[in-house]
């Protein structure tokens, strides 16, 4: 199951990734005692996987907008070239800078380590 969830102003994505389901949020949206796992290399592999799945285009663009990207997630004319050249590198930077984070779980620790 992939998709975006909005709770108030919190944006969260549930994405099928390497090893299972991944829960991603903006770091500023962490709640209470939620902890995150920082692993940019692991997320780079997932971004590459997601780019190859056209059904995830809207989710990727929504993440991109959440970290300052300007493209409309509903714009169907965005090419695979644009996604690979602009969106993927910006998402990777967002994970490297912990703007986007992977919520910590037992499963996450096992697959991302």
PDB file of N, CA and C in Angstrom:
ATOM      1  N   UNK A   1       0.852  -1.176   0.000  1.00  0.00           N
ATOM      2  CA  UNK A   1       0.000   0.000   0.000  1.00  0.00           C
ATOM      3  C   UNK A   1       0.894   1.235   0.000  1.00  0.00           C
ATOM      4  N   UNK A   2       0.665   2.098  -0.905  1.00  0.00           N
ATOM      5  CA  UNK A   2       1.401   3.348  -0.991  1.00  0.00           C
ATOM      6  C   UNK A   2       0.416   4.488  -0.880  1.00  0.00           C
ATOM      7  N   UNK A   3       0.915   5.618  -0.427  1.00  0.00           N
ATOM      8  CA  UNK A   3       0.051   6.776  -0.407  1.00  0.00           C
ATOM      9  C   UNK A   3       0.455   7.792   0.618  1.00  0.00           C
ATOM     10  N   UNK A   4      -0.260   8.898   0.580  1.00  0.00           N
ATOM     11  CA  UNK A   4      -0.007  10.018   1.484  1.00  0.00           C
ATOM     12  C   UNK A   4      -1.174  10.126   2.451  1.00  0.00           C
ATOM     13  N   UNK A   5      -0.844  10.485   3.668  1.00  0.00           N
ATOM     14  CA  UNK A   5      -1.849  10.721   4.685  1.00  0.00           C
ATOM     15  C   UNK A   5      -1.645  12.122   5.221  1.00  0.00           C
ATOM     16  N   UNK A   6      -2.708  12.894   5.310  1.00  0.00           N
ATOM     17  CA  UNK A   6      -2.624  14.222   5.919  1.00  0.00           C
ATOM     18  C   UNK A   6      -3.465  14.211   7.181  1.00  0.00           C
ATOM     19  N   UNK A   7      -2.823  14.529   8.299  1.00  0.00           N
ATOM     20  CA  UNK A   7      -3.510  14.653   9.578  1.00  0.00           C
ATOM     21  C   UNK A   7      -3.212  16.059  10.065  1.00  0.00           C
ATOM     22  N   UNK A   8      -4.163  16.973   9.943  1.00  0.00           N
ATOM     23  CA  UNK A   8      -3.873  18.366  10.229  1.00  0.00           C
ATOM     24  C   UNK A   8      -2.871  18.853   9.196  1.00  0.00           C
ATOM     25  N   UNK A   9      -1.716  19.292   9.648  1.00  0.00           N
ATOM     26  CA  UNK A   9      -0.681  19.723   8.710  1.00  0.00           C
ATOM     27  C   UNK A   9       0.408  18.672   8.535  1.00  0.00           C
ATOM     28  N   UNK A  10       0.305  17.556   9.234  1.00  0.00           N
ATOM     29  CA  UNK A  10       1.303  16.489   9.128  1.00  0.00           C
ATOM     30  C   UNK A  10       1.138  15.769   7.799  1.00  0.00           C
ATOM     31  N   UNK A  11       2.260  15.582   7.138  1.00  0.00           N
ATOM     32  CA  UNK A  11       2.246  14.784   5.916  1.00  0.00           C
ATOM     33  C   UNK A  11       3.043  13.525   6.179  1.00  0.00           C
ATOM     34  N   UNK A  12       2.451  12.397   5.831  1.00  0.00           N
ATOM     35  CA  UNK A  12       3.096  11.111   6.029  1.00  0.00           C
ATOM     36  C   UNK A  12       2.843  10.247   4.799  1.00  0.00           C
ATOM     37  N   UNK A  13       3.834   9.459   4.452  1.00  0.00           N
ATOM     38  CA  UNK A  13       3.727   8.575   3.304  1.00  0.00           C
ATOM     39  C   UNK A  13       3.977   7.152   3.759  1.00  0.00           C
ATOM     40  N   UNK A  14       3.161   6.244   3.288  1.00  0.00           N
ATOM     41  CA  UNK A  14       3.368   4.820   3.507  1.00  0.00           C
ATOM     42  C   UNK A  14       3.721   4.246   2.146  1.00  0.00           C
ATOM     43  N   UNK A  15       4.957   3.778   2.045  1.00  0.00           N
ATOM     44  CA  UNK A  15       5.461   3.317   0.754  1.00  0.00           C
ATOM     45  C   UNK A  15       5.971   1.879   0.887  1.00  0.00           C
ATOM     46  N   UNK A  16       5.741   1.108  -0.151  1.00  0.00           N
ATOM     47  CA  UNK A  16       6.342  -0.214  -0.193  1.00  0.00           C
ATOM     48  C   UNK A  16       7.780  -0.026  -0.634  1.00  0.00           C
ATOM     49  N   UNK A  17       8.694  -0.473   0.196  1.00  0.00           N
ATOM     50  CA  UNK A  17      10.110  -0.286  -0.089  1.00  0.00           C
ATOM     51  C   UNK A  17      10.860  -1.594  -0.014  1.00  0.00           C
ATOM     52  N   UNK A  18      12.149  -1.498  -0.066  1.00  0.00           N
ATOM     53  CA  UNK A  18      13.001  -2.667   0.046  1.00  0.00           C
ATOM     54  C   UNK A  18      12.789  -3.259   1.433  1.00  0.00           C
ATOM     55  N   UNK A  19      12.353  -4.491   1.487  1.00  0.00           N
ATOM     56  CA  UNK A  19      12.160  -5.164   2.760  1.00  0.00           C
ATOM     57  C   UNK A  19      10.794  -4.990   3.387  1.00  0.00           C
ATOM     58  N   UNK A  20       9.916  -4.194   2.777  1.00  0.00           N
ATOM     59  CA  UNK A  20       8.578  -4.073   3.347  1.00  0.00           C
ATOM     60  C   UNK A  20       8.022  -2.663   3.317  1.00  0.00           C
ATOM     61  N   UNK A  21       7.118  -2.395   4.229  1.00  0.00           N
ATOM     62  CA  UNK A  21       6.423  -1.121   4.299  1.00  0.00           C
ATOM     63  C   UNK A  21       7.266  -0.093   5.042  1.00  0.00           C
ATOM     64  N   UNK A  22       7.384   1.096   4.456  1.00  0.00           N
ATOM     65  CA  UNK A  22       8.146   2.178   5.055  1.00  0.00           C
ATOM     66  C   UNK A  22       7.204   3.333   5.361  1.00  0.00           C
ATOM     67  N   UNK A  23       7.403   3.942   6.526  1.00  0.00           N
ATOM     68  CA  UNK A  23       6.591   5.088   6.940  1.00  0.00           C
ATOM     69  C   UNK A  23       7.511   6.297   6.981  1.00  0.00           C
ATOM     70  N   UNK A  24       7.190   7.291   6.170  1.00  0.00           N
ATOM     71  CA  UNK A  24       8.028   8.478   5.993  1.00  0.00           C
ATOM     72  C   UNK A  24       7.231   9.705   6.422  1.00  0.00           C
ATOM     73  N   UNK A  25       7.893  10.610   7.126  1.00  0.00           N
ATOM     74  CA  UNK A  25       7.271  11.878   7.507  1.00  0.00           C
ATOM     75  C   UNK A  25       8.310  12.984   7.362  1.00  0.00           C
ATOM     76  N   UNK A  26       7.818  14.224   7.327  1.00  0.00           N
ATOM     77  CA  UNK A  26       8.737  15.352   7.454  1.00  0.00           C
ATOM     78  C   UNK A  26       9.200  15.375   8.913  1.00  0.00           C
ATOM     79  N   UNK A  27      10.462  15.644   9.149  1.00  0.00           N
ATOM     80  CA  UNK A  27      10.976  15.636  10.519  1.00  0.00           C
ATOM     81  C   UNK A  27      10.223  16.627  11.395  1.00  0.00           C
ATOM     82  N   UNK A  28       9.845  17.762  10.821  1.00  0.00           N
ATOM     83  CA  UNK A  28       9.123  18.753  11.623  1.00  0.00           C
ATOM     84  C   UNK A  28       7.745  18.252  12.051  1.00  0.00           C
ATOM     85  N   UNK A  29       7.269  17.166  11.445  1.00  0.00           N
ATOM     86  CA  UNK A  29       5.961  16.602  11.775  1.00  0.00           C
ATOM     87  C   UNK A  29       6.033  15.440  12.757  1.00  0.00           C
ATOM     88  N   UNK A  30       7.227  15.121  13.262  1.00  0.00           N
ATOM     89  CA  UNK A  30       7.333  14.037  14.243  1.00  0.00           C
ATOM     90  C   UNK A  30       6.466  14.376  15.447  1.00  0.00           C
ATOM     91  N   UNK A  31       5.836  13.367  15.986  1.00  0.00           N
ATOM     92  CA  UNK A  31       4.931  13.587  17.109  1.00  0.00           C
ATOM     93  C   UNK A  31       5.474  12.919  18.368  1.00  0.00           C
ATOM     94  N   UNK A  32       5.358  13.642  19.482  1.00  0.00           N
ATOM     95  CA  UNK A  32       5.696  13.089  20.784  1.00  0.00           C
ATOM     96  C   UNK A  32       7.018  12.353  20.827  1.00  0.00           C
ATOM     97  N   UNK A  33       6.933  11.069  21.111  1.00  0.00           N
ATOM     98  CA  UNK A  33       8.144  10.265  21.270  1.00  0.00           C
ATOM     99  C   UNK A  33       8.518   9.474  20.016  1.00  0.00           C
ATOM    100  N   UNK A  34       7.944   9.837  18.872  1.00  0.00           N
ATOM    101  CA  UNK A  34       8.308   9.143  17.634  1.00  0.00           C
ATOM    102  C   UNK A  34       9.804   9.316  17.381  1.00  0.00           C
ATOM    103  N   UNK A  35      10.423   8.244  16.961  1.00  0.00           N
ATOM    104  CA  UNK A  35      11.843   8.292  16.627  1.00  0.00           C
ATOM    105  C   UNK A  35      11.994   7.941  15.153  1.00  0.00           C
ATOM    106  N   UNK A  36      13.093   8.423  14.586  1.00  0.00           N
ATOM    107  CA  UNK A  36      13.328   8.143  13.176  1.00  0.00           C
ATOM    108  C   UNK A  36      14.692   7.500  12.985  1.00  0.00           C
ATOM    109  N   UNK A  37      14.826   6.896  11.837  1.00  0.00           N
ATOM    110  CA  UNK A  37      16.076   6.245  11.460  1.00  0.00           C
ATOM    111  C   UNK A  37      16.631   6.989  10.254  1.00  0.00           C
ATOM    112  N   UNK A  38      17.858   7.450  10.360  1.00  0.00           N
ATOM    113  CA  UNK A  38      18.496   8.169   9.253  1.00  0.00           C
ATOM    114  C   UNK A  38      19.400   7.204   8.493  1.00  0.00           C
ATOM    115  N   UNK A  39      19.076   6.960   7.250  1.00  0.00           N
ATOM    116  CA  UNK A  39      19.888   6.094   6.409  1.00  0.00           C
ATOM    117  C   UNK A  39      19.740   6.533   4.945  1.00  0.00           C
ATOM    118  N   UNK A  40      20.457   7.605   4.561  1.00  0.00           N
ATOM    119  CA  UNK A  40      20.319   8.107   3.189  1.00  0.00           C
ATOM    120  C   UNK A  40      20.643   7.066   2.116  1.00  0.00           C
ATOM    121  N   UNK A  41      21.618   6.200   2.344  1.00  0.00           N
ATOM    122  CA  UNK A  41      21.949   5.184   1.333  1.00  0.00           C
ATOM    123  C   UNK A  41      20.789   4.227   1.133  1.00  0.00           C
ATOM    124  N   UNK A  42      20.171   3.821   2.233  1.00  0.00           N
ATOM    125  CA  UNK A  42      19.008   2.940   2.150  1.00  0.00           C
ATOM    126  C   UNK A  42      17.874   3.635   1.410  1.00  0.00           C
ATOM    127  N   UNK A  43      17.647   4.918   1.718  1.00  0.00           N
ATOM    128  CA  UNK A  43      16.575   5.641   1.062  1.00  0.00           C
ATOM    129  C   UNK A  43      16.886   5.882  -0.410  1.00  0.00           C
ATOM    130  N   UNK A  44      18.146   6.054  -0.770  1.00  0.00           N
ATOM    131  CA  UNK A  44      18.519   6.211  -2.187  1.00  0.00           C
ATOM    132  C   UNK A  44      18.109   4.974  -2.982  1.00  0.00           C
ATOM    133  N   UNK A  45      18.311   3.793  -2.405  1.00  0.00           N
ATOM    134  CA  UNK A  45      17.902   2.558  -3.087  1.00  0.00           C
ATOM    135  C   UNK A  45      16.386   2.520  -3.260  1.00  0.00           C
ATOM    136  N   UNK A  46      15.655   2.973  -2.251  1.00  0.00           N
ATOM    137  CA  UNK A  46      14.201   2.984  -2.345  1.00  0.00           C
ATOM    138  C   UNK A  46      13.717   4.002  -3.363  1.00  0.00           C
ATOM    139  N   UNK A  47      14.325   5.172  -3.391  1.00  0.00           N
ATOM    140  CA  UNK A  47      13.943   6.186  -4.379  1.00  0.00           C
ATOM    141  C   UNK A  47      14.126   5.633  -5.785  1.00  0.00           C
ATOM    142  N   UNK A  48      15.237   4.962  -6.033  1.00  0.00           N
ATOM    143  CA  UNK A  48      15.461   4.346  -7.350  1.00  0.00           C
ATOM    144  C   UNK A  48      14.360   3.339  -7.672  1.00  0.00           C
ATOM    145  N   UNK A  49      13.971   2.548  -6.691  1.00  0.00           N
ATOM    146  CA  UNK A  49      12.904   1.559  -6.884  1.00  0.00           C
ATOM    147  C   UNK A  49      11.585   2.269  -7.193  1.00  0.00           C
ATOM    148  N   UNK A  50      11.272   3.327  -6.454  1.00  0.00           N
ATOM    149  CA  UNK A  50      10.015   4.033  -6.651  1.00  0.00           C
ATOM    150  C   UNK A  50       9.951   4.733  -8.001  1.00  0.00           C
ATOM    151  N   UNK A  51      11.094   5.220  -8.481  1.00  0.00           N
ATOM    152  CA  UNK A  51      11.113   5.884  -9.786  1.00  0.00           C
ATOM    153  C   UNK A  51      10.712   4.933 -10.910  1.00  0.00           C
ATOM    154  N   UNK A  52      10.991   3.654 -10.734  1.00  0.00           N
ATOM    155  CA  UNK A  52      10.675   2.686 -11.780  1.00  0.00           C
ATOM    156  C   UNK A  52       9.203   2.276 -11.771  1.00  0.00           C
ATOM    157  N   UNK A  53       8.442   2.764 -10.812  1.00  0.00           N
ATOM    158  CA  UNK A  53       7.025   2.427 -10.706  1.00  0.00           C
ATOM    159  C   UNK A  53       6.182   3.671 -11.000  1.00  0.00           C
ATOM    160  N   UNK A  54       5.610   3.732 -12.168  1.00  0.00           N
ATOM    161  CA  UNK A  54       4.831   4.894 -12.586  1.00  0.00           C
ATOM    162  C   UNK A  54       3.650   5.203 -11.681  1.00  0.00           C
ATOM    163  N   UNK A  55       3.141   4.215 -10.967  1.00  0.00           N
ATOM    164  CA  UNK A  55       1.996   4.461 -10.091  1.00  0.00           C
ATOM    165  C   UNK A  55       2.384   5.275  -8.850  1.00  0.00           C
ATOM    166  N   UNK A  56       3.678   5.439  -8.607  1.00  0.00           N
ATOM    167  CA  UNK A  56       4.139   6.189  -7.436  1.00  0.00           C
ATOM    168  C   UNK A  56       4.503   7.631  -7.767  1.00  0.00           C
ATOM    169  N   UNK A  57       4.322   8.023  -8.997  1.00  0.00           N
ATOM    170  CA  UNK A  57       4.687   9.375  -9.453  1.00  0.00           C
ATOM    171  C   UNK A  57       4.053  10.450  -8.564  1.00  0.00           C
ATOM    172  N   UNK A  58       2.772  10.345  -8.283  1.00  0.00           N
ATOM    173  CA  UNK A  58       2.091  11.365  -7.478  1.00  0.00           C
ATOM    174  C   UNK A  58       2.675  11.412  -6.063  1.00  0.00           C
ATOM    175  N   UNK A  59       2.926  10.259  -5.460  1.00  0.00           N
ATOM    176  CA  UNK A  59       3.506  10.227  -4.112  1.00  0.00           C
ATOM    177  C   UNK A  59       4.881  10.877  -4.094  1.00  0.00           C
ATOM    178  N   UNK A  60       5.699  10.578  -5.089  1.00  0.00           N
ATOM    179  CA  UNK A  60       7.036  11.177  -5.160  1.00  0.00           C
ATOM    180  C   UNK A  60       6.949  12.695  -5.314  1.00  0.00           C
ATOM    181  N   UNK A  61       6.038  13.153  -6.160  1.00  0.00           N
ATOM    182  CA  UNK A  61       5.892  14.594  -6.362  1.00  0.00           C
ATOM    183  C   UNK A  61       5.312  15.287  -5.126  1.00  0.00           C
ATOM    184  N   UNK A  62       4.464  14.602  -4.386  1.00  0.00           N
ATOM    185  CA  UNK A  62       3.934  15.174  -3.156  1.00  0.00           C
ATOM    186  C   UNK A  62       5.052  15.305  -2.122  1.00  0.00           C
ATOM    187  N   UNK A  63       5.915  14.296  -2.030  1.00  0.00           N
ATOM    188  CA  UNK A  63       7.088  14.384  -1.146  1.00  0.00           C
ATOM    189  C   UNK A  63       7.980  15.540  -1.576  1.00  0.00           C
ATOM    190  N   UNK A  64       8.193  15.643  -2.882  1.00  0.00           N
ATOM    191  CA  UNK A  64       9.027  16.701  -3.457  1.00  0.00           C
ATOM    192  C   UNK A  64       8.489  18.077  -3.071  1.00  0.00           C
ATOM    193  N   UNK A  65       7.184  18.266  -3.203  1.00  0.00           N
ATOM    194  CA  UNK A  65       6.575  19.547  -2.816  1.00  0.00           C
ATOM    195  C   UNK A  65       6.712  19.807  -1.324  1.00  0.00           C
ATOM    196  N   UNK A  66       6.673  18.759  -0.522  1.00  0.00           N
ATOM    197  CA  UNK A  66       6.774  18.915   0.936  1.00  0.00           C
ATOM    198  C   UNK A  66       8.139  19.441   1.363  1.00  0.00           C
ATOM    199  N   UNK A  67       9.137  19.302   0.489  1.00  0.00           N
ATOM    200  CA  UNK A  67      10.490  19.793   0.805  1.00  0.00           C
ATOM    201  C   UNK A  67      10.899  20.931  -0.125  1.00  0.00           C
ATOM    202  N   UNK A  68       9.907  21.619  -0.678  1.00  0.00           N
ATOM    203  CA  UNK A  68      10.196  22.830  -1.433  1.00  0.00           C
ATOM    204  C   UNK A  68      10.107  22.734  -2.940  1.00  0.00           C
ATOM    205  N   UNK A  69       9.827  21.568  -3.472  1.00  0.00           N
ATOM    206  CA  UNK A  69       9.672  21.430  -4.923  1.00  0.00           C
ATOM    207  C   UNK A  69       8.435  22.169  -5.409  1.00  0.00           C
ATOM    208  N   UNK A  70       8.430  22.559  -6.670  1.00  0.00           N
ATOM    209  CA  UNK A  70       7.361  23.398  -7.200  1.00  0.00           C
ATOM    210  C   UNK A  70       6.394  22.685  -8.148  1.00  0.00           C
ATOM    211  N   UNK A  71       6.626  21.424  -8.432  1.00  0.00           N
ATOM    212  CA  UNK A  71       5.774  20.735  -9.406  1.00  0.00           C
ATOM    213  C   UNK A  71       4.449  20.306  -8.781  1.00  0.00           C
ATOM    214  N   UNK A  72       3.408  20.383  -9.571  1.00  0.00           N
ATOM    215  CA  UNK A  72       2.078  19.959  -9.151  1.00  0.00           C
ATOM    216  C   UNK A  72       2.012  18.428  -9.217  1.00  0.00           C
ATOM    217  N   UNK A  73       1.700  17.761  -8.101  1.00  0.00           N
ATOM    218  CA  UNK A  73       1.633  16.295  -8.109  1.00  0.00           C
ATOM    219  C   UNK A  73       0.617  15.728  -9.088  1.00  0.00           C
ATOM    220  N   UNK A  74      -0.363  16.529  -9.476  1.00  0.00           N
ATOM    221  CA  UNK A  74      -1.385  16.048 -10.402  1.00  0.00           C
ATOM    222  C   UNK A  74      -1.063  16.341 -11.868  1.00  0.00           C
ATOM    223  N   UNK A  75       0.112  16.900 -12.116  1.00  0.00           N
ATOM    224  CA  UNK A  75       0.523  17.213 -13.487  1.00  0.00           C
ATOM    225  C   UNK A  75       1.019  15.929 -14.162  1.00  0.00           C
ATOM    226  N   UNK A  76       0.191  15.389 -15.025  1.00  0.00           N
ATOM    227  CA  UNK A  76       0.521  14.130 -15.695  1.00  0.00           C
ATOM    228  C   UNK A  76       1.569  14.256 -16.787  1.00  0.00           C
ATOM    229  N   UNK A  77       2.004  15.481 -17.099  1.00  0.00           N
ATOM    230  CA  UNK A  77       2.961  15.669 -18.193  1.00  0.00           C
ATOM    231  C   UNK A  77       4.414  15.611 -17.721  1.00  0.00           C
ATOM    232  N   UNK A  78       4.643  15.403 -16.432  1.00  0.00           N
ATOM    233  CA  UNK A  78       6.008  15.363 -15.914  1.00  0.00           C
ATOM    234  C   UNK A  78       6.683  14.083 -16.398  1.00  0.00           C
ATOM    235  N   UNK A  79       7.827  14.253 -17.024  1.00  0.00           N
ATOM    236  CA  UNK A  79       8.516  13.114 -17.648  1.00  0.00           C
ATOM    237  C   UNK A  79       9.346  12.324 -16.647  1.00  0.00           C
ATOM    238  N   UNK A  80       9.663  11.106 -17.026  1.00  0.00           N
ATOM    239  CA  UNK A  80      10.565  10.265 -16.234  1.00  0.00           C
ATOM    240  C   UNK A  80      11.929  10.937 -16.137  1.00  0.00           C
ATOM    241  N   UNK A  81      12.325  11.641 -17.190  1.00  0.00           N
ATOM    242  CA  UNK A  81      13.598  12.371 -17.177  1.00  0.00           C
ATOM    243  C   UNK A  81      13.598  13.417 -16.067  1.00  0.00           C
ATOM    244  N   UNK A  82      12.521  14.188 -15.958  1.00  0.00           N
ATOM    245  CA  UNK A  82      12.425  15.211 -14.920  1.00  0.00           C
ATOM    246  C   UNK A  82      12.469  14.582 -13.529  1.00  0.00           C
ATOM    247  N   UNK A  83      11.742  13.491 -13.372  1.00  0.00           N
ATOM    248  CA  UNK A  83      11.745  12.806 -12.076  1.00  0.00           C
ATOM    249  C   UNK A  83      13.157  12.366 -11.692  1.00  0.00           C
ATOM    250  N   UNK A  84      13.859  11.769 -12.636  1.00  0.00           N
ATOM    251  CA  UNK A  84      15.200  11.279 -12.356  1.00  0.00           C
ATOM    252  C   UNK A  84      16.242  12.373 -12.201  1.00  0.00           C
ATOM    253  N   UNK A  85      16.055  13.475 -12.920  1.00  0.00           N
ATOM    254  CA  UNK A  85      17.044  14.552 -12.921  1.00  0.00           C
ATOM    255  C   UNK A  85      16.839  15.552 -11.790  1.00  0.00           C
ATOM    256  N   UNK A  86      15.606  15.821 -11.429  1.00  0.00           N
ATOM    257  CA  UNK A  86      15.322  16.863 -10.440  1.00  0.00           C
ATOM    258  C   UNK A  86      14.683  16.342  -9.149  1.00  0.00           C
ATOM    259  N   UNK A  87      13.669  15.516  -9.293  1.00  0.00           N
ATOM    260  CA  UNK A  87      12.919  15.072  -8.122  1.00  0.00           C
ATOM    261  C   UNK A  87      13.744  14.115  -7.262  1.00  0.00           C
ATOM    262  N   UNK A  88      14.302  13.080  -7.867  1.00  0.00           N
ATOM    263  CA  UNK A  88      15.060  12.082  -7.085  1.00  0.00           C
ATOM    264  C   UNK A  88      16.233  12.703  -6.325  1.00  0.00           C
ATOM    265  N   UNK A  89      17.074  13.540  -6.976  1.00  0.00           N
ATOM    266  CA  UNK A  89      18.179  14.146  -6.216  1.00  0.00           C
ATOM    267  C   UNK A  89      17.694  15.036  -5.073  1.00  0.00           C
ATOM    268  N   UNK A  90      16.602  15.760  -5.278  1.00  0.00           N
ATOM    269  CA  UNK A  90      16.087  16.627  -4.214  1.00  0.00           C
ATOM    270  C   UNK A  90      15.561  15.797  -3.047  1.00  0.00           C
ATOM    271  N   UNK A  91      14.903  14.677  -3.346  1.00  0.00           N
ATOM    272  CA  UNK A  91      14.431  13.801  -2.270  1.00  0.00           C
ATOM    273  C   UNK A  91      15.600  13.208  -1.500  1.00  0.00           C
ATOM    274  N   UNK A  92      16.639  12.823  -2.214  1.00  0.00           N
ATOM    275  CA  UNK A  92      17.819  12.277  -1.536  1.00  0.00           C
ATOM    276  C   UNK A  92      18.436  13.314  -0.599  1.00  0.00           C
ATOM    277  N   UNK A  93      18.553  14.553  -1.062  1.00  0.00           N
ATOM    278  CA  UNK A  93      19.066  15.628  -0.205  1.00  0.00           C
ATOM    279  C   UNK A  93      18.160  15.798   1.017  1.00  0.00           C
ATOM    280  N   UNK A  94      16.857  15.695   0.827  1.00  0.00           N
ATOM    281  CA  UNK A  94      15.919  15.829   1.947  1.00  0.00           C
ATOM    282  C   UNK A  94      16.150  14.737   2.992  1.00  0.00           C
ATOM    283  N   UNK A  95      16.453  13.525   2.540  1.00  0.00           N
ATOM    284  CA  UNK A  95      16.757  12.450   3.487  1.00  0.00           C
ATOM    285  C   UNK A  95      18.130  12.661   4.128  1.00  0.00           C
ATOM    286  N   UNK A  96      19.096  13.137   3.364  1.00  0.00           N
ATOM    287  CA  UNK A  96      20.430  13.401   3.925  1.00  0.00           C
ATOM    288  C   UNK A  96      20.376  14.494   4.986  1.00  0.00           C
ATOM    289  N   UNK A  97      19.533  15.495   4.787  1.00  0.00           N
ATOM    290  CA  UNK A  97      19.403  16.620   5.724  1.00  0.00           C
ATOM    291  C   UNK A  97      18.342  16.370   6.799  1.00  0.00           C
ATOM    292  N   UNK A  98      17.753  15.182   6.766  1.00  0.00           N
ATOM    293  CA  UNK A  98      16.692  14.803   7.712  1.00  0.00           C
ATOM    294  C   UNK A  98      15.467  15.707   7.628  1.00  0.00           C
ATOM    295  N   UNK A  99      15.209  16.242   6.451  1.00  0.00           N
ATOM    296  CA  UNK A  99      13.942  16.953   6.239  1.00  0.00           C
ATOM    297  C   UNK A  99      12.820  15.929   6.109  1.00  0.00           C
ATOM    298  N   UNK A 100      13.111  14.838   5.440  1.00  0.00           N
ATOM    299  CA  UNK A 100      12.226  13.678   5.382  1.00  0.00           C
ATOM    300  C   UNK A 100      12.913  12.569   6.170  1.00  0.00           C
ATOM    301  N   UNK A 101      12.134  11.856   6.974  1.00  0.00           N
ATOM    302  CA  UNK A 101      12.721  10.804   7.800  1.00  0.00           C
ATOM    303  C   UNK A 101      11.875   9.541   7.740  1.00  0.00           C
ATOM    304  N   UNK A 102      12.540   8.452   7.986  1.00  0.00           N
ATOM    305  CA  UNK A 102      11.921   7.138   8.039  1.00  0.00           C
ATOM    306  C   UNK A 102      11.610   6.848   9.498  1.00  0.00           C
ATOM    307  N   UNK A 103      10.332   6.628   9.803  1.00  0.00           N
ATOM    308  CA  UNK A 103       9.976   6.345  11.192  1.00  0.00           C
ATOM    309  C   UNK A 103      10.614   5.043  11.632  1.00  0.00           C
ATOM    310  N   UNK A 104      11.087   5.049  12.854  1.00  0.00           N
ATOM    311  CA  UNK A 104      11.799   3.894  13.405  1.00  0.00           C
ATOM    312  C   UNK A 104      10.803   2.840  13.866  1.00  0.00           C
ATOM    313  N   UNK A 105      11.085   1.613  13.471  1.00  0.00           N
ATOM    314  CA  UNK A 105      10.329   0.453  13.938  1.00  0.00           C
ATOM    315  C   UNK A 105      11.301  -0.708  13.989  1.00  0.00           C
ATOM    316  N   UNK A 106      10.892  -1.800  14.597  1.00  0.00           N
ATOM    317  CA  UNK A 106      11.762  -2.981  14.653  1.00  0.00           C
ATOM    318  C   UNK A 106      12.117  -3.427  13.242  1.00  0.00           C
ATOM    319  N   UNK A 107      11.135  -3.434  12.350  1.00  0.00           N
ATOM    320  CA  UNK A 107      11.380  -3.841  10.963  1.00  0.00           C
ATOM    321  C   UNK A 107      12.354  -2.879  10.284  1.00  0.00           C
ATOM    322  N   UNK A 108      12.167  -1.586  10.479  1.00  0.00           N
ATOM    323  CA  UNK A 108      13.049  -0.596   9.862  1.00  0.00           C
ATOM    324  C   UNK A 108      14.485  -0.798  10.306  1.00  0.00           C
ATOM    325  N   UNK A 109      14.684  -1.014  11.584  1.00  0.00           N
ATOM    326  CA  UNK A 109      16.042  -1.213  12.099  1.00  0.00           C
ATOM    327  C   UNK A 109      16.698  -2.431  11.460  1.00  0.00           C
ATOM    328  N   UNK A 110      15.932  -3.472  11.235  1.00  0.00           N
ATOM    329  CA  UNK A 110      16.491  -4.702  10.676  1.00  0.00           C
ATOM    330  C   UNK A 110      16.887  -4.533   9.222  1.00  0.00           C
ATOM    331  N   UNK A 111      16.087  -3.815   8.421  1.00  0.00           N
ATOM    332  CA  UNK A 111      16.363  -3.750   6.984  1.00  0.00           C
ATOM    333  C   UNK A 111      17.257  -2.590   6.592  1.00  0.00           C
ATOM    334  N   UNK A 112      17.293  -1.539   7.396  1.00  0.00           N
ATOM    335  CA  UNK A 112      18.064  -0.345   7.015  1.00  0.00           C
ATOM    336  C   UNK A 112      19.475  -0.324   7.594  1.00  0.00           C
ATOM    337  N   UNK A 113      19.762  -1.246   8.461  1.00  0.00           N
ATOM    338  CA  UNK A 113      21.081  -1.245   9.109  1.00  0.00           C
ATOM    339  C   UNK A 113      22.137  -1.910   8.254  1.00  0.00           C
TER     340      UNK A 113
END
